[in-house]
């Protein structure tokens, strides 16, 4: 039986949850983060993430969705929280959330990303804005990427702003944080040794070729730079090819997450065309 608790004051447990919303170090030490929103909570449950606690408003009737989540998840603590306190954790001033989840952090292992002959992995180099991470993860999910890697000193993908911006895709696509490009290159080496011919493609406004003219089918790791400085020198030197997104008008460049979305769309388009060609050749 899951434990049932009640919180009516700003006790130590409540303060710990508050800290998880604002303090990256405490999230890391506790190995957990707070998830807000119907879709993110639903996807965390559907994709089998470790749900440690479910928080709901004390003394209020629960929605059908909330009751369904509480019935479905076994092992998580049930916590009835005073509505005014739950409102503080929910990030909305006007109303208490239906349900919040405290979820365990996954391991930052590149092996969480599935190895496949058509793998497509997005690398985000030193992003500074949680919202951009969430947007990139959402696009990665939408266009069939295998995973997302965050490299270097970067914003936290488990920041509430990143989780909300991903609209729950954070729970559907493996997102892995690594200290630098070196860990990715070592991983690429192991993939190539296992006969997965991964190509590393970097994006830059001064790239060698327009993105539509480069083959993005097959196993690819595509690196996008941060919002201010683009890809680091070490990442540029590590890429097998640099591509550019042609733009017109007064804009000098694209937002990093927007650029990643364009790349992901083009990769998905090329892969769909390639699959259709293979299918047509297979038909008599």
Protein backbone atom coordinates (compact mmCIF):
# COMPACT_ATOMS: atom_id res chain seq x y z
CA UNK A 1 0.00 0.00 0.00
CA UNK A 2 1.29 3.46 -0.88
CA UNK A 3 1.72 5.86 2.01
CA UNK A 4 -0.87 8.61 2.44
CA UNK A 5 0.30 11.89 3.94
CA UNK A 6 -1.26 15.25 4.64
CA UNK A 7 0.54 18.60 4.50
CA UNK A 8 -1.14 21.72 5.83
CA UNK A 9 1.89 23.87 6.72
CA UNK A 10 5.15 24.87 5.10
CA UNK A 11 7.01 22.05 6.77
CA UNK A 12 10.37 20.59 5.76
CA UNK A 13 8.86 18.33 3.11
CA UNK A 14 6.99 21.21 1.50
CA UNK A 15 10.12 23.36 1.55
CA UNK A 16 12.06 20.56 -0.13
CA UNK A 17 9.52 20.47 -2.96
CA UNK A 18 9.69 24.24 -3.30
CA UNK A 19 13.46 24.00 -3.61
CA UNK A 20 13.12 21.42 -6.39
CA UNK A 21 11.32 24.04 -8.48
CA UNK A 22 14.05 26.67 -8.24
CA UNK A 23 17.32 25.02 -7.24
CA UNK A 24 19.13 22.80 -9.72
CA UNK A 25 21.68 21.60 -7.16
CA UNK A 26 18.94 20.40 -4.82
CA UNK A 27 17.18 18.61 -7.67
CA UNK A 28 20.41 16.79 -8.42
CA UNK A 29 21.12 15.92 -4.80
CA UNK A 30 17.59 14.65 -4.20
CA UNK A 31 17.52 12.87 -7.56
CA UNK A 32 14.02 14.12 -8.28
CA UNK A 33 11.99 17.00 -9.71
CA UNK A 34 8.43 18.33 -9.60
CA UNK A 35 6.24 17.84 -12.68
CA UNK A 36 3.37 20.24 -13.33
CA UNK A 37 0.58 19.92 -15.87
CA UNK A 38 -1.86 17.28 -17.06
CA UNK A 39 0.05 16.19 -20.17
CA UNK A 40 3.54 16.06 -18.59
CA UNK A 41 2.27 14.04 -15.61
CA UNK A 42 0.32 11.72 -17.91
CA UNK A 43 3.33 11.07 -20.15
CA UNK A 44 5.64 10.52 -17.18
CA UNK A 45 3.29 7.77 -16.04
CA UNK A 46 2.72 6.30 -19.52
CA UNK A 47 6.45 6.08 -20.22
CA UNK A 48 7.24 4.34 -16.96
CA UNK A 49 9.18 7.03 -15.10
CA UNK A 50 9.67 6.58 -11.38
CA UNK A 51 6.80 8.43 -9.69
CA UNK A 52 7.80 9.02 -6.08
CA UNK A 53 4.87 11.12 -4.87
CA UNK A 54 1.53 12.38 -6.15
CA UNK A 55 0.28 15.64 -4.66
CA UNK A 56 -3.41 16.60 -4.78
CA UNK A 57 -5.53 19.33 -3.13
CA UNK A 58 -6.79 18.36 0.31
CA UNK A 59 -10.51 18.56 0.88
CA UNK A 60 -11.45 19.03 -2.77
CA UNK A 61 -13.17 16.66 -5.16
CA UNK A 62 -10.73 15.20 -7.65
CA UNK A 63 -11.12 15.19 -11.40
CA UNK A 64 -11.59 11.95 -13.28
CA UNK A 65 -8.06 12.31 -14.65
CA UNK A 66 -6.56 12.78 -11.17
CA UNK A 67 -8.41 9.76 -9.78
CA UNK A 68 -7.23 7.70 -12.75
CA UNK A 69 -3.57 8.62 -12.17
CA UNK A 70 -3.83 7.91 -8.45
CA UNK A 71 -5.37 4.51 -9.16
CA UNK A 72 -2.88 3.66 -11.88
CA UNK A 73 0.37 4.50 -10.10
CA UNK A 74 1.46 2.06 -7.42
CA UNK A 75 4.26 2.66 -4.96
CA UNK A 76 4.13 6.47 -4.99
CA UNK A 77 3.26 8.35 -1.82
CA UNK A 78 -0.15 10.03 -1.89
CA UNK A 79 -0.01 13.50 -0.39
CA UNK A 80 -3.06 15.65 0.34
CA UNK A 81 -1.76 19.23 0.32
CA UNK A 82 -3.58 22.34 1.51
CA UNK A 83 -4.88 24.00 -1.70
CA UNK A 84 -3.08 27.29 -1.08
CA UNK A 85 0.22 25.43 -0.66
CA UNK A 86 -0.36 23.27 -3.72
CA UNK A 87 -1.02 26.45 -5.68
CA UNK A 88 2.49 27.65 -4.80
CA UNK A 89 3.98 24.44 -6.13
CA UNK A 90 1.82 24.47 -9.23
CA UNK A 91 3.15 27.71 -10.65
CA UNK A 92 -0.33 29.18 -11.19
CA UNK A 93 -1.57 31.99 -9.01
CA UNK A 94 -5.25 31.71 -9.86
CA UNK A 95 -6.00 28.08 -9.02
CA UNK A 96 -4.68 24.92 -7.43
CA UNK A 97 -3.40 22.28 -9.86
CA UNK A 98 -5.36 19.06 -10.20
CA UNK A 99 -2.32 16.95 -9.44
CA UNK A 100 1.46 17.28 -9.23
CA UNK A 101 4.06 14.53 -9.41
CA UNK A 102 7.49 14.21 -7.82
CA UNK A 103 9.50 12.17 -10.31
CA UNK A 104 12.92 10.53 -10.05
CA UNK A 105 15.72 11.77 -12.30
CA UNK A 106 17.02 9.24 -14.83
CA UNK A 107 20.69 8.43 -15.20
CA UNK A 108 22.72 10.58 -17.58
CA UNK A 109 23.95 7.70 -19.73
CA UNK A 110 24.23 7.97 -23.49
CA UNK A 111 23.32 4.30 -23.67
CA UNK A 112 19.74 5.33 -22.83
CA UNK A 113 19.49 6.50 -26.44
CA UNK A 114 18.57 3.46 -28.57
CA UNK A 115 21.16 2.35 -31.10
CA UNK A 116 19.68 1.90 -34.56
CA UNK A 117 20.65 2.03 -38.22
CA UNK A 118 18.48 5.12 -38.69
CA UNK A 119 19.18 6.82 -35.36
CA UNK A 120 18.81 10.62 -35.29
CA UNK A 121 20.25 12.38 -32.25
CA UNK A 122 20.17 16.12 -31.56
CA UNK A 123 23.02 17.66 -29.59
CA UNK A 124 22.38 21.05 -27.95
CA UNK A 125 25.70 22.67 -27.07
CA UNK A 126 25.64 24.79 -23.90
CA UNK A 127 22.03 26.06 -24.08
CA UNK A 128 21.35 28.90 -21.65
CA UNK A 129 17.55 28.96 -21.65
CA UNK A 130 15.42 26.16 -20.18
CA UNK A 131 12.54 27.04 -22.50
CA UNK A 132 14.72 26.47 -25.56
CA UNK A 133 15.71 23.05 -24.27
CA UNK A 134 12.06 22.13 -23.78
CA UNK A 135 11.14 23.40 -27.25
CA UNK A 136 13.97 21.41 -28.86
CA UNK A 137 12.92 18.25 -27.00
CA UNK A 138 9.33 18.76 -28.16
CA UNK A 139 10.50 19.09 -31.78
CA UNK A 140 12.75 16.05 -31.41
CA UNK A 141 9.74 14.04 -30.27
CA UNK A 142 7.53 15.39 -33.06
CA UNK A 143 9.98 14.52 -35.83
CA UNK A 144 11.08 11.11 -34.61
CA UNK A 145 14.50 11.77 -33.09
CA UNK A 146 16.09 9.00 -31.06
CA UNK A 147 17.31 11.30 -28.29
CA UNK A 148 18.68 14.66 -27.23
CA UNK A 149 22.09 15.31 -25.68
CA UNK A 150 22.84 18.47 -23.70
CA UNK A 151 26.57 19.22 -23.57
CA UNK A 152 28.70 21.53 -21.48
CA UNK A 153 27.70 24.14 -18.92
CA UNK A 154 24.03 24.45 -19.73
CA UNK A 155 20.53 25.12 -18.47
CA UNK A 156 18.74 22.21 -16.82
CA UNK A 157 16.26 20.12 -18.84
CA UNK A 158 14.51 19.33 -15.54
CA UNK A 159 13.87 22.98 -14.75
CA UNK A 160 10.05 23.50 -14.62
CA UNK A 161 10.27 25.91 -17.58
CA UNK A 162 11.98 23.26 -19.70
CA UNK A 163 9.50 20.56 -18.67
CA UNK A 164 6.53 22.81 -19.49
CA UNK A 165 8.03 23.90 -22.83
CA UNK A 166 8.48 20.25 -23.80
CA UNK A 167 4.74 19.66 -23.15
CA UNK A 168 5.70 16.28 -21.73
CA UNK A 169 7.98 15.16 -24.57
CA UNK A 170 10.81 15.10 -22.02
CA UNK A 171 9.31 11.81 -20.85
CA UNK A 172 9.04 10.33 -24.35
CA UNK A 173 12.52 11.12 -25.72
CA UNK A 174 15.75 10.23 -23.87
CA UNK A 175 17.49 13.43 -22.79
CA UNK A 176 21.05 13.02 -21.54
CA UNK A 177 23.42 15.60 -20.03
CA UNK A 178 27.17 15.20 -20.52
CA UNK A 179 30.06 17.46 -19.43
CA UNK A 180 31.54 18.05 -22.89
CA UNK A 181 31.82 16.94 -26.51
CA UNK A 182 34.35 14.26 -25.50
CA UNK A 183 31.74 11.93 -24.03
CA UNK A 184 29.73 12.15 -27.25
CA UNK A 185 32.78 11.44 -29.40
CA UNK A 186 33.64 8.39 -27.29
CA UNK A 187 30.06 7.17 -27.70
CA UNK A 188 30.22 7.76 -31.45
CA UNK A 189 33.43 5.73 -31.52
CA UNK A 190 31.67 2.82 -29.83
CA UNK A 191 28.77 3.07 -32.30
CA UNK A 192 31.12 3.02 -35.26
CA UNK A 193 32.95 0.06 -33.77
CA UNK A 194 29.57 -1.69 -33.66
CA UNK A 195 29.19 -0.96 -37.38
CA UNK A 196 26.74 1.92 -37.00
CA UNK A 197 28.23 4.49 -39.42
CA UNK A 198 27.22 7.63 -37.54
CA UNK A 199 27.94 10.98 -39.15
CA UNK A 200 28.26 14.10 -36.99
CA UNK A 201 26.67 17.11 -38.67
CA UNK A 202 27.08 20.62 -37.29
CA UNK A 203 24.84 23.59 -38.04
CA UNK A 204 26.15 27.08 -38.68
CA UNK A 205 25.17 30.06 -40.82
CA UNK A 206 28.52 29.71 -42.60
CA UNK A 207 28.19 25.97 -43.19
CA UNK A 208 29.61 24.30 -46.30
CA UNK A 209 26.27 23.37 -47.86
CA UNK A 210 22.54 24.12 -47.54
CA UNK A 211 20.82 21.62 -45.29
CA UNK A 212 18.46 20.37 -48.01
CA UNK A 213 21.47 19.43 -50.15
CA UNK A 214 23.08 17.20 -47.53
CA UNK A 215 21.93 13.63 -46.97
CA UNK A 216 20.31 13.41 -43.53
CA UNK A 217 19.10 9.83 -43.89
CA UNK A 218 21.01 7.10 -42.10
CA UNK A 219 22.48 7.42 -38.59
CA UNK A 220 23.13 11.05 -37.77
CA UNK A 221 24.13 13.15 -34.78
CA UNK A 222 23.25 16.78 -35.44
CA UNK A 223 24.79 19.49 -33.28
CA UNK A 224 23.19 22.88 -32.66
CA UNK A 225 25.00 25.68 -30.85
CA UNK A 226 23.79 27.87 -28.03
CA UNK A 227 21.65 30.97 -28.37
CA UNK A 228 24.47 33.52 -28.33
CA UNK A 229 27.69 32.01 -29.65
CA UNK A 230 26.61 29.01 -31.70
CA UNK A 231 28.69 25.85 -31.70
CA UNK A 232 31.95 25.86 -29.77
CA UNK A 233 35.23 25.58 -31.64
CA UNK A 234 35.74 22.06 -30.30
CA UNK A 235 32.36 20.97 -31.60
CA UNK A 236 33.02 22.52 -35.01
CA UNK A 237 36.28 20.62 -35.23
CA UNK A 238 34.54 17.41 -34.21
CA UNK A 239 31.88 17.55 -36.92
CA UNK A 240 32.22 15.57 -40.14
CA UNK A 241 30.25 18.21 -42.04
CA UNK A 242 28.90 21.70 -41.38
CA UNK A 243 25.56 22.64 -42.92
CA UNK A 244 23.63 25.90 -43.07
CA UNK A 245 19.97 26.87 -43.06
CA UNK A 246 19.38 29.43 -45.80
CA UNK A 247 17.46 32.46 -44.48
CA UNK A 248 16.29 35.69 -46.03
CA UNK A 249 14.94 38.99 -44.80
CA UNK A 250 16.40 41.17 -42.07
CA UNK A 251 16.99 38.28 -39.63
CA UNK A 252 20.68 37.53 -39.15
CA UNK A 253 20.07 34.11 -37.61
CA UNK A 254 17.46 31.78 -36.14
CA UNK A 255 16.72 31.03 -32.52
CA UNK A 256 18.61 27.87 -31.56
CA UNK A 257 15.47 25.82 -30.90
CA UNK A 258 13.91 27.10 -34.13
CA UNK A 259 17.01 26.12 -36.08
CA UNK A 260 16.92 22.66 -34.53
CA UNK A 261 13.25 22.32 -35.54
CA UNK A 262 14.08 23.18 -39.15
CA UNK A 263 16.87 20.59 -39.17
CA UNK A 264 14.63 17.94 -37.64
CA UNK A 265 11.88 18.61 -40.18
CA UNK A 266 14.33 18.35 -43.09
CA UNK A 267 15.74 15.10 -41.69
CA UNK A 268 12.23 13.67 -41.29
CA UNK A 269 11.30 14.80 -44.83
CA UNK A 270 14.36 13.18 -46.37
CA UNK A 271 13.81 9.97 -44.44
CA UNK A 272 10.19 9.79 -45.54
CA UNK A 273 11.22 10.25 -49.20
CA UNK A 274 13.93 7.60 -48.81
CA UNK A 275 11.48 5.14 -47.24
CA UNK A 276 8.96 5.77 -50.01
CA UNK A 277 11.64 5.11 -52.64
CA UNK A 278 12.59 1.85 -50.98
CA UNK A 279 8.94 0.79 -50.79
CA UNK A 280 8.31 1.64 -54.45
CA UNK A 281 11.33 -0.37 -55.58
CA UNK A 282 10.17 -3.33 -53.51
CA UNK A 283 6.77 -3.39 -55.26
CA UNK A 284 6.63 -5.28 -58.57
